[in-house]
Amino acid sequence: LHSDTNRHADAEQEYQKALATYRKLADKNPDAYLPNMATTLFNIALLYLDQGNYKAAEKAAQESLEIFQIMASKSPEAFGPKVEKAKGLISYIKEQKKQQEQEHPSKPA
């Protein structure tokens, strides 16, 4: 919601709070909370992508992918599509990062 209204700082703060909560819960019950953690990381990656922070976006998307891959090894039908979606996001982030570097060689991505 916050990212839809250009309140990126508020959105990031809320996502980071949720992520911290899911990390703690996943330590105790991974099967129940790792999917939420991965989805939150995916959303954080989208937020950073929207802000043009490609390095942070790629890092969050990569962590999301790794979690979805773990979950897909246990339940391919449920998490296989999420693995592919995360891979697609990472590819898109890399394309945007490369495009930015080509257009603005002195501006780090």
N, C-alpha and C. Protein backbone atom coordinates (compact mmCIF):
# COMPACT_ATOMS: atom_id res chain seq x y z
N LEU A 1 0.83 -1.20 0.00
CA LEU A 1 0.00 0.00 0.00
C LEU A 1 0.87 1.26 0.00
N HIS A 2 1.84 1.33 0.89
CA HIS A 2 2.67 2.52 0.96
C HIS A 2 3.42 2.74 -0.35
N SER A 3 3.91 1.66 -0.96
CA SER A 3 4.65 1.83 -2.20
C SER A 3 3.74 2.32 -3.32
N ASP A 4 2.45 1.98 -3.25
CA ASP A 4 1.49 2.44 -4.25
C ASP A 4 1.23 3.94 -4.12
N THR A 5 1.47 4.51 -2.96
CA THR A 5 1.22 5.93 -2.75
C THR A 5 2.52 6.72 -2.66
N ASN A 6 3.61 6.15 -3.18
CA ASN A 6 4.93 6.79 -3.19
C ASN A 6 5.44 7.11 -1.80
N ARG A 7 5.08 6.30 -0.83
CA ARG A 7 5.61 6.44 0.52
C ARG A 7 6.60 5.31 0.75
N HIS A 8 7.67 5.35 -0.06
CA HIS A 8 8.64 4.26 -0.07
C HIS A 8 9.32 4.05 1.28
N ALA A 9 9.63 5.13 1.96
CA ALA A 9 10.31 4.98 3.27
C ALA A 9 9.39 4.26 4.26
N ASP A 10 8.11 4.62 4.25
CA ASP A 10 7.16 3.95 5.13
C ASP A 10 7.01 2.48 4.75
N ALA A 11 6.92 2.23 3.45
CA ALA A 11 6.78 0.85 2.97
C ALA A 11 8.00 0.03 3.37
N GLU A 12 9.18 0.60 3.17
CA GLU A 12 10.40 -0.14 3.51
C GLU A 12 10.44 -0.45 5.00
N GLN A 13 10.07 0.52 5.81
CA GLN A 13 10.07 0.30 7.26
C GLN A 13 9.11 -0.82 7.65
N GLU A 14 7.93 -0.83 7.07
CA GLU A 14 6.95 -1.87 7.38
C GLU A 14 7.42 -3.24 6.90
N TYR A 15 7.98 -3.29 5.69
CA TYR A 15 8.51 -4.56 5.19
C TYR A 15 9.64 -5.08 6.06
N GLN A 16 10.52 -4.18 6.50
CA GLN A 16 11.65 -4.61 7.34
C GLN A 16 11.16 -5.13 8.69
N LYS A 17 10.12 -4.50 9.23
CA LYS A 17 9.54 -5.00 10.49
C LYS A 17 8.96 -6.41 10.28
N ALA A 18 8.22 -6.55 9.20
CA ALA A 18 7.62 -7.87 8.90
C ALA A 18 8.71 -8.91 8.69
N LEU A 19 9.75 -8.54 7.96
CA LEU A 19 10.85 -9.47 7.70
C LEU A 19 11.52 -9.91 9.00
N ALA A 20 11.77 -8.97 9.89
CA ALA A 20 12.39 -9.31 11.17
C ALA A 20 11.50 -10.29 11.96
N THR A 21 10.21 -10.06 11.93
CA THR A 21 9.28 -10.95 12.61
C THR A 21 9.30 -12.34 11.99
N TYR A 22 9.23 -12.39 10.64
CA TYR A 22 9.24 -13.69 9.96
C TYR A 22 10.55 -14.44 10.17
N ARG A 23 11.66 -13.72 10.24
CA ARG A 23 12.95 -14.39 10.50
C ARG A 23 12.92 -15.10 11.86
N LYS A 24 12.41 -14.40 12.87
CA LYS A 24 12.33 -14.99 14.20
C LYS A 24 11.39 -16.19 14.21
N LEU A 25 10.23 -16.03 13.60
CA LEU A 25 9.26 -17.12 13.56
C LEU A 25 9.78 -18.31 12.75
N ALA A 26 10.49 -18.03 11.66
CA ALA A 26 11.01 -19.11 10.81
C ALA A 26 12.10 -19.90 11.52
N ASP A 27 12.81 -19.27 12.43
CA ASP A 27 13.81 -20.00 13.22
C ASP A 27 13.14 -21.12 14.02
N LYS A 28 11.93 -20.86 14.49
CA LYS A 28 11.22 -21.82 15.32
C LYS A 28 10.35 -22.78 14.52
N ASN A 29 9.81 -22.30 13.39
CA ASN A 29 8.91 -23.11 12.59
C ASN A 29 9.10 -22.77 11.11
N PRO A 30 10.19 -23.27 10.51
CA PRO A 30 10.53 -22.89 9.14
C PRO A 30 9.45 -23.21 8.11
N ASP A 31 8.85 -24.38 8.22
CA ASP A 31 7.86 -24.76 7.21
C ASP A 31 6.67 -23.79 7.19
N ALA A 32 6.34 -23.26 8.34
CA ALA A 32 5.20 -22.34 8.42
C ALA A 32 5.55 -20.92 7.99
N TYR A 33 6.79 -20.47 8.26
CA TYR A 33 7.09 -19.06 8.08
C TYR A 33 8.11 -18.71 7.00
N LEU A 34 8.86 -19.69 6.52
CA LEU A 34 9.79 -19.37 5.43
C LEU A 34 9.08 -18.84 4.18
N PRO A 35 7.93 -19.39 3.81
CA PRO A 35 7.24 -18.83 2.63
C PRO A 35 6.88 -17.34 2.80
N ASN A 36 6.43 -16.96 4.00
CA ASN A 36 6.12 -15.55 4.26
C ASN A 36 7.38 -14.70 4.20
N MET A 37 8.45 -15.23 4.73
CA MET A 37 9.72 -14.52 4.71
C MET A 37 10.17 -14.30 3.26
N ALA A 38 10.09 -15.34 2.45
CA ALA A 38 10.50 -15.24 1.06
C ALA A 38 9.63 -14.25 0.30
N THR A 39 8.33 -14.27 0.55
CA THR A 39 7.43 -13.34 -0.12
C THR A 39 7.72 -11.90 0.30
N THR A 40 8.01 -11.70 1.56
CA THR A 40 8.37 -10.36 2.04
C THR A 40 9.65 -9.88 1.38
N LEU A 41 10.64 -10.75 1.29
CA LEU A 41 11.88 -10.39 0.61
C LEU A 41 11.63 -10.06 -0.86
N PHE A 42 10.77 -10.83 -1.50
CA PHE A 42 10.40 -10.56 -2.90
C PHE A 42 9.78 -9.17 -3.02
N ASN A 43 8.89 -8.83 -2.10
CA ASN A 43 8.25 -7.52 -2.12
C ASN A 43 9.24 -6.40 -1.83
N ILE A 44 10.18 -6.65 -0.95
CA ILE A 44 11.24 -5.68 -0.68
C ILE A 44 12.07 -5.46 -1.95
N ALA A 45 12.36 -6.54 -2.66
CA ALA A 45 13.11 -6.42 -3.91
C ALA A 45 12.35 -5.55 -4.91
N LEU A 46 11.04 -5.74 -5.00
CA LEU A 46 10.23 -4.91 -5.90
C LEU A 46 10.27 -3.44 -5.49
N LEU A 47 10.22 -3.19 -4.20
CA LEU A 47 10.28 -1.83 -3.69
C LEU A 47 11.62 -1.18 -4.06
N TYR A 48 12.71 -1.89 -3.81
CA TYR A 48 14.03 -1.36 -4.15
C TYR A 48 14.17 -1.17 -5.66
N LEU A 49 13.63 -2.08 -6.42
CA LEU A 49 13.65 -1.94 -7.88
C LEU A 49 12.94 -0.66 -8.29
N ASP A 50 11.79 -0.42 -7.70
CA ASP A 50 11.01 0.78 -8.00
C ASP A 50 11.79 2.05 -7.66
N GLN A 51 12.64 1.96 -6.65
CA GLN A 51 13.46 3.10 -6.23
C GLN A 51 14.75 3.23 -7.05
N GLY A 52 15.04 2.23 -7.87
CA GLY A 52 16.28 2.25 -8.65
C GLY A 52 17.48 1.77 -7.86
N ASN A 53 17.25 1.15 -6.72
CA ASN A 53 18.33 0.61 -5.89
C ASN A 53 18.53 -0.85 -6.29
N TYR A 54 19.24 -1.04 -7.41
CA TYR A 54 19.34 -2.37 -8.01
C TYR A 54 20.18 -3.33 -7.19
N LYS A 55 21.20 -2.83 -6.52
CA LYS A 55 22.03 -3.71 -5.70
C LYS A 55 21.21 -4.31 -4.55
N ALA A 56 20.47 -3.47 -3.85
CA ALA A 56 19.64 -3.96 -2.74
C ALA A 56 18.50 -4.84 -3.26
N ALA A 57 17.94 -4.47 -4.41
CA ALA A 57 16.86 -5.26 -5.01
C ALA A 57 17.36 -6.66 -5.35
N GLU A 58 18.52 -6.73 -5.95
CA GLU A 58 19.07 -8.03 -6.34
C GLU A 58 19.38 -8.89 -5.11
N LYS A 59 19.90 -8.28 -4.07
CA LYS A 59 20.22 -9.02 -2.85
C LYS A 59 18.95 -9.60 -2.22
N ALA A 60 17.90 -8.80 -2.12
CA ALA A 60 16.65 -9.28 -1.53
C ALA A 60 16.02 -10.36 -2.41
N ALA A 61 16.05 -10.15 -3.72
CA ALA A 61 15.47 -11.13 -4.64
C ALA A 61 16.24 -12.45 -4.59
N GLN A 62 17.55 -12.37 -4.46
CA GLN A 62 18.37 -13.58 -4.40
C GLN A 62 18.06 -14.38 -3.13
N GLU A 63 17.92 -13.68 -2.01
CA GLU A 63 17.59 -14.39 -0.76
C GLU A 63 16.19 -15.01 -0.87
N SER A 64 15.27 -14.28 -1.49
CA SER A 64 13.93 -14.82 -1.72
C SER A 64 14.00 -16.09 -2.56
N LEU A 65 14.77 -16.04 -3.64
CA LEU A 65 14.93 -17.20 -4.52
C LEU A 65 15.48 -18.41 -3.74
N GLU A 66 16.49 -18.18 -2.94
CA GLU A 66 17.10 -19.29 -2.19
C GLU A 66 16.08 -19.96 -1.26
N ILE A 67 15.26 -19.15 -0.63
CA ILE A 67 14.24 -19.72 0.27
C ILE A 67 13.18 -20.47 -0.53
N PHE A 68 12.73 -19.86 -1.64
CA PHE A 68 11.73 -20.54 -2.47
C PHE A 68 12.29 -21.86 -3.02
N GLN A 69 13.58 -21.91 -3.34
CA GLN A 69 14.17 -23.15 -3.82
C GLN A 69 14.14 -24.23 -2.74
N ILE A 70 14.42 -23.85 -1.52
CA ILE A 70 14.35 -24.80 -0.40
C ILE A 70 12.92 -25.33 -0.26
N MET A 71 11.97 -24.42 -0.32
CA MET A 71 10.57 -24.82 -0.19
C MET A 71 10.13 -25.67 -1.38
N ALA A 72 10.62 -25.36 -2.57
CA ALA A 72 10.25 -26.12 -3.77
C ALA A 72 10.80 -27.54 -3.72
N SER A 73 11.93 -27.72 -3.04
CA SER A 73 12.47 -29.08 -2.93
C SER A 73 11.53 -29.97 -2.11
N LYS A 74 10.73 -29.37 -1.24
CA LYS A 74 9.77 -30.10 -0.42
C LYS A 74 8.39 -30.15 -1.06
N SER A 75 8.06 -29.11 -1.80
CA SER A 75 6.72 -29.01 -2.39
C SER A 75 6.82 -28.30 -3.75
N PRO A 76 7.26 -29.04 -4.79
CA PRO A 76 7.48 -28.42 -6.10
C PRO A 76 6.24 -27.78 -6.70
N GLU A 77 5.09 -28.39 -6.50
CA GLU A 77 3.86 -27.84 -7.09
C GLU A 77 3.53 -26.47 -6.51
N ALA A 78 3.73 -26.33 -5.23
CA ALA A 78 3.39 -25.07 -4.56
C ALA A 78 4.43 -23.98 -4.77
N PHE A 79 5.71 -24.36 -4.81
CA PHE A 79 6.75 -23.35 -4.81
C PHE A 79 7.56 -23.26 -6.09
N GLY A 80 7.42 -24.22 -6.99
CA GLY A 80 8.12 -24.15 -8.26
C GLY A 80 7.83 -22.86 -9.02
N PRO A 81 6.55 -22.46 -9.13
CA PRO A 81 6.26 -21.21 -9.82
C PRO A 81 6.88 -19.98 -9.14
N LYS A 82 6.98 -20.03 -7.83
CA LYS A 82 7.59 -18.90 -7.11
C LYS A 82 9.09 -18.84 -7.37
N VAL A 83 9.72 -20.00 -7.53
CA VAL A 83 11.14 -20.04 -7.90
C VAL A 83 11.33 -19.35 -9.25
N GLU A 84 10.48 -19.71 -10.20
CA GLU A 84 10.59 -19.12 -11.55
C GLU A 84 10.32 -17.63 -11.53
N LYS A 85 9.37 -17.21 -10.73
CA LYS A 85 9.05 -15.79 -10.62
C LYS A 85 10.24 -15.01 -10.02
N ALA A 86 10.88 -15.58 -9.01
CA ALA A 86 12.04 -14.94 -8.39
C ALA A 86 13.21 -14.89 -9.37
N LYS A 87 13.40 -15.96 -10.13
CA LYS A 87 14.46 -15.95 -11.14
C LYS A 87 14.20 -14.87 -12.19
N GLY A 88 12.94 -14.75 -12.58
CA GLY A 88 12.58 -13.72 -13.55
C GLY A 88 12.84 -12.33 -13.01
N LEU A 89 12.52 -12.11 -11.74
CA LEU A 89 12.78 -10.81 -11.13
C LEU A 89 14.26 -10.50 -11.09
N ILE A 90 15.07 -11.48 -10.74
CA ILE A 90 16.52 -11.27 -10.70
C ILE A 90 17.04 -10.91 -12.09
N SER A 91 16.57 -11.61 -13.09
CA SER A 91 16.98 -11.30 -14.47
C SER A 91 16.59 -9.87 -14.86
N TYR A 92 15.37 -9.51 -14.50
CA TYR A 92 14.89 -8.16 -14.82
C TYR A 92 15.72 -7.10 -14.10
N ILE A 93 16.03 -7.33 -12.83
CA ILE A 93 16.86 -6.39 -12.07
C ILE A 93 18.21 -6.22 -12.74
N LYS A 94 18.82 -7.35 -13.14
CA LYS A 94 20.13 -7.29 -13.79
C LYS A 94 20.06 -6.52 -15.10
N GLU A 95 18.98 -6.70 -15.86
CA GLU A 95 18.80 -5.96 -17.11
C GLU A 95 18.68 -4.46 -16.84
N GLN A 96 17.90 -4.10 -15.84
CA GLN A 96 17.73 -2.69 -15.50
C GLN A 96 19.03 -2.08 -15.01
N LYS A 97 19.76 -2.84 -14.22
CA LYS A 97 21.05 -2.38 -13.70
C LYS A 97 22.03 -2.14 -14.86
N LYS A 98 22.08 -3.07 -15.80
CA LYS A 98 22.95 -2.94 -16.96
C LYS A 98 22.56 -1.73 -17.81
N GLN A 99 21.25 -1.56 -18.00
CA GLN A 99 20.76 -0.43 -18.78
C GLN A 99 21.14 0.89 -18.12
N GLN A 100 21.00 0.96 -16.81
CA GLN A 100 21.36 2.18 -16.09
C GLN A 100 22.85 2.47 -16.21
N GLU A 101 23.66 1.42 -16.11
CA GLU A 101 25.11 1.59 -16.22
C GLU A 101 25.50 2.08 -17.61
N GLN A 102 24.79 1.63 -18.64
CA GLN A 102 25.06 2.06 -20.00
C GLN A 102 24.63 3.52 -20.22
N GLU A 103 23.50 3.89 -19.63
CA GLU A 103 22.98 5.24 -19.80
C GLU A 103 23.71 6.26 -18.93
N HIS A 104 24.15 5.82 -17.75
CA HIS A 104 24.81 6.71 -16.78
C HIS A 104 26.04 6.00 -16.23
N PRO A 105 27.12 5.96 -17.02
CA PRO A 105 28.29 5.19 -16.61
C PRO A 105 28.90 5.59 -15.27
N SER A 106 28.74 6.82 -14.86
CA SER A 106 29.35 7.25 -13.59
C SER A 106 28.45 7.03 -12.39
N LYS A 107 27.18 6.71 -12.61
CA LYS A 107 26.23 6.49 -11.52
C LYS A 107 26.18 5.01 -11.15
N PRO A 108 26.57 4.68 -9.90
CA PRO A 108 26.51 3.26 -9.51
C PRO A 108 25.07 2.77 -9.40
N ALA A 109 24.86 1.50 -9.76
CA ALA A 109 23.50 0.94 -9.74
C ALA A 109 23.14 0.42 -8.38
